[in-house]
Amino acid sequence: MRLAVRKCVHVVTVLPGLVDTQMTEGMDLPERLTAQPSEVAAATARAVERGRNVIYVKPIWQLIMAIIRNIPEPVFKKLSI
């Protein structure tokens, strides 16, 4: 008799914001909003260990996105973000 093996998958949504990589090299990125690749990796590992589902690598992005989500759609469509 063969036993069924269940494998669990935990998906983590990582929201890093801006990341300092070769792709962004030479761009004038705001330091407070920009994560280093090592920060993204460490935050992702912590999220997996703690069983988190969604993480913002830089906490400031959580505030920024909360504000953006609360802008009424007609107003948001007129913004040039």
C-alpha atoms as a PDB file:
ATOM      1  CA  MET A   1       0.000   0.000   0.000  1.00  0.00           C
ATOM      2  CA  ARG A   2       1.313   3.406  -0.977  1.00  0.00           C
ATOM      3  CA  LEU A   3       0.677   6.436   1.226  1.00  0.00           C
ATOM      4  CA  ALA A   4      -0.239   9.730  -0.364  1.00  0.00           C
ATOM      5  CA  VAL A   5       2.347  12.392   0.270  1.00  0.00           C
ATOM      6  CA  ARG A   6       1.017  15.888   0.764  1.00  0.00           C
ATOM      7  CA  LYS A   7       3.304  18.773   0.077  1.00  0.00           C
ATOM      8  CA  CYS A   8       2.272  22.168   1.286  1.00  0.00           C
ATOM      9  CA  VAL A   9       3.166  25.291  -0.585  1.00  0.00           C
ATOM     10  CA  HIS A  10       3.229  28.670   1.114  1.00  0.00           C
ATOM     11  CA  VAL A  11       3.055  31.623  -1.246  1.00  0.00           C
ATOM     12  CA  VAL A  12       4.499  34.901  -0.027  1.00  0.00           C
ATOM     13  CA  THR A  13       3.731  38.114  -1.895  1.00  0.00           C
ATOM     14  CA  VAL A  14       6.847  40.275  -1.627  1.00  0.00           C
ATOM     15  CA  LEU A  15       6.361  43.982  -2.283  1.00  0.00           C
ATOM     16  CA  PRO A  16       9.879  45.397  -2.347  1.00  0.00           C
ATOM     17  CA  GLY A  17       9.207  48.800  -3.884  1.00  0.00           C
ATOM     18  CA  LEU A  18      12.305  50.117  -5.630  1.00  0.00           C
ATOM     19  CA  VAL A  19      15.330  47.792  -5.564  1.00  0.00           C
ATOM     20  CA  ASP A  20      18.909  48.872  -6.185  1.00  0.00           C
ATOM     21  CA  THR A  21      19.932  46.498  -9.008  1.00  0.00           C
ATOM     22  CA  GLN A  22      21.738  46.685 -12.336  1.00  0.00           C
ATOM     23  CA  MET A  23      18.416  47.585 -13.923  1.00  0.00           C
ATOM     24  CA  THR A  24      18.115  50.726 -11.778  1.00  0.00           C
ATOM     25  CA  GLU A  25      21.831  51.591 -11.950  1.00  0.00           C
ATOM     26  CA  GLY A  26      22.370  55.259 -12.708  1.00  0.00           C
ATOM     27  CA  MET A  27      18.844  56.238 -11.682  1.00  0.00           C
ATOM     28  CA  ASP A  28      18.408  58.837  -8.958  1.00  0.00           C
ATOM     29  CA  LEU A  29      16.458  56.665  -6.500  1.00  0.00           C
ATOM     30  CA  PRO A  30      15.276  58.002  -3.139  1.00  0.00           C
ATOM     31  CA  GLU A  31      17.314  56.144  -0.514  1.00  0.00           C
ATOM     32  CA  ARG A  32      14.440  55.815   1.967  1.00  0.00           C
ATOM     33  CA  LEU A  33      12.258  54.089  -0.647  1.00  0.00           C
ATOM     34  CA  THR A  34      14.971  51.883  -2.156  1.00  0.00           C
ATOM     35  CA  ALA A  35      15.820  48.402  -0.886  1.00  0.00           C
ATOM     36  CA  GLN A  36      19.041  46.519  -1.401  1.00  0.00           C
ATOM     37  CA  PRO A  37      18.786  42.983  -2.842  1.00  0.00           C
ATOM     38  CA  SER A  38      20.108  41.587   0.450  1.00  0.00           C
ATOM     39  CA  GLU A  39      17.270  43.363   2.320  1.00  0.00           C
ATOM     40  CA  VAL A  40      14.703  41.801  -0.009  1.00  0.00           C
ATOM     41  CA  ALA A  41      16.215  38.349   0.516  1.00  0.00           C
ATOM     42  CA  ALA A  42      16.335  38.719   4.307  1.00  0.00           C
ATOM     43  CA  ALA A  43      12.766  40.050   4.498  1.00  0.00           C
ATOM     44  CA  THR A  44      11.539  37.179   2.312  1.00  0.00           C
ATOM     45  CA  ALA A  45      13.294  34.586   4.484  1.00  0.00           C
ATOM     46  CA  ARG A  46      11.782  36.136   7.651  1.00  0.00           C
ATOM     47  CA  ALA A  47       8.320  36.114   6.053  1.00  0.00           C
ATOM     48  CA  VAL A  48       8.617  32.419   5.211  1.00  0.00           C
ATOM     49  CA  GLU A  49       9.828  31.597   8.745  1.00  0.00           C
ATOM     50  CA  ARG A  50       6.974  33.559  10.323  1.00  0.00           C
ATOM     51  CA  GLY A  51       4.297  32.302   7.940  1.00  0.00           C
ATOM     52  CA  ARG A  52       3.477  35.764   6.604  1.00  0.00           C
ATOM     53  CA  ASN A  53       1.482  36.018   3.380  1.00  0.00           C
ATOM     54  CA  VAL A  54       2.274  39.578   2.269  1.00  0.00           C
ATOM     55  CA  ILE A  55       5.301  41.681   3.144  1.00  0.00           C
ATOM     56  CA  TYR A  56       6.538  45.158   2.332  1.00  0.00           C
ATOM     57  CA  VAL A  57      10.339  45.161   2.406  1.00  0.00           C
ATOM     58  CA  LYS A  58      10.470  48.858   3.284  1.00  0.00           C
ATOM     59  CA  PRO A  59       7.666  49.720   5.758  1.00  0.00           C
ATOM     60  CA  ILE A  60       7.224  53.171   4.188  1.00  0.00           C
ATOM     61  CA  TRP A  61       5.670  51.450   1.137  1.00  0.00           C
ATOM     62  CA  GLN A  62       2.830  50.112   3.288  1.00  0.00           C
ATOM     63  CA  LEU A  63       1.906  53.696   4.205  1.00  0.00           C
ATOM     64  CA  ILE A  64       2.296  54.939   0.622  1.00  0.00           C
ATOM     65  CA  MET A  65       0.091  52.162  -0.744  1.00  0.00           C
ATOM     66  CA  ALA A  66      -2.541  52.686   1.975  1.00  0.00           C
ATOM     67  CA  ILE A  67      -2.802  56.319   0.901  1.00  0.00           C
ATOM     68  CA  ILE A  68      -2.971  55.423  -2.799  1.00  0.00           C
ATOM     69  CA  ARG A  69      -5.642  52.755  -2.196  1.00  0.00           C
ATOM     70  CA  ASN A  70      -7.811  55.359  -0.459  1.00  0.00           C
ATOM     71  CA  ILE A  71      -7.752  57.882  -3.301  1.00  0.00           C
ATOM     72  CA  PRO A  72     -11.129  57.803  -5.067  1.00  0.00           C
ATOM     73  CA  GLU A  73     -10.842  56.243  -8.543  1.00  0.00           C
ATOM     74  CA  PRO A  74     -11.972  59.340 -10.515  1.00  0.00           C
ATOM     75  CA  VAL A  75      -9.342  61.423  -8.703  1.00  0.00           C
ATOM     76  CA  PHE A  76      -6.667  58.730  -9.110  1.00  0.00           C
ATOM     77  CA  LYS A  77      -7.265  58.545 -12.872  1.00  0.00           C
ATOM     78  CA  LYS A  78      -6.537  62.270 -13.162  1.00  0.00           C
ATOM     79  CA  LEU A  79      -3.232  61.987 -11.298  1.00  0.00           C
ATOM     80  CA  SER A  80       0.006  61.505 -13.189  1.00  0.00           C
ATOM     81  CA  ILE A  81       1.651  59.032 -10.842  1.00  0.00           C
END
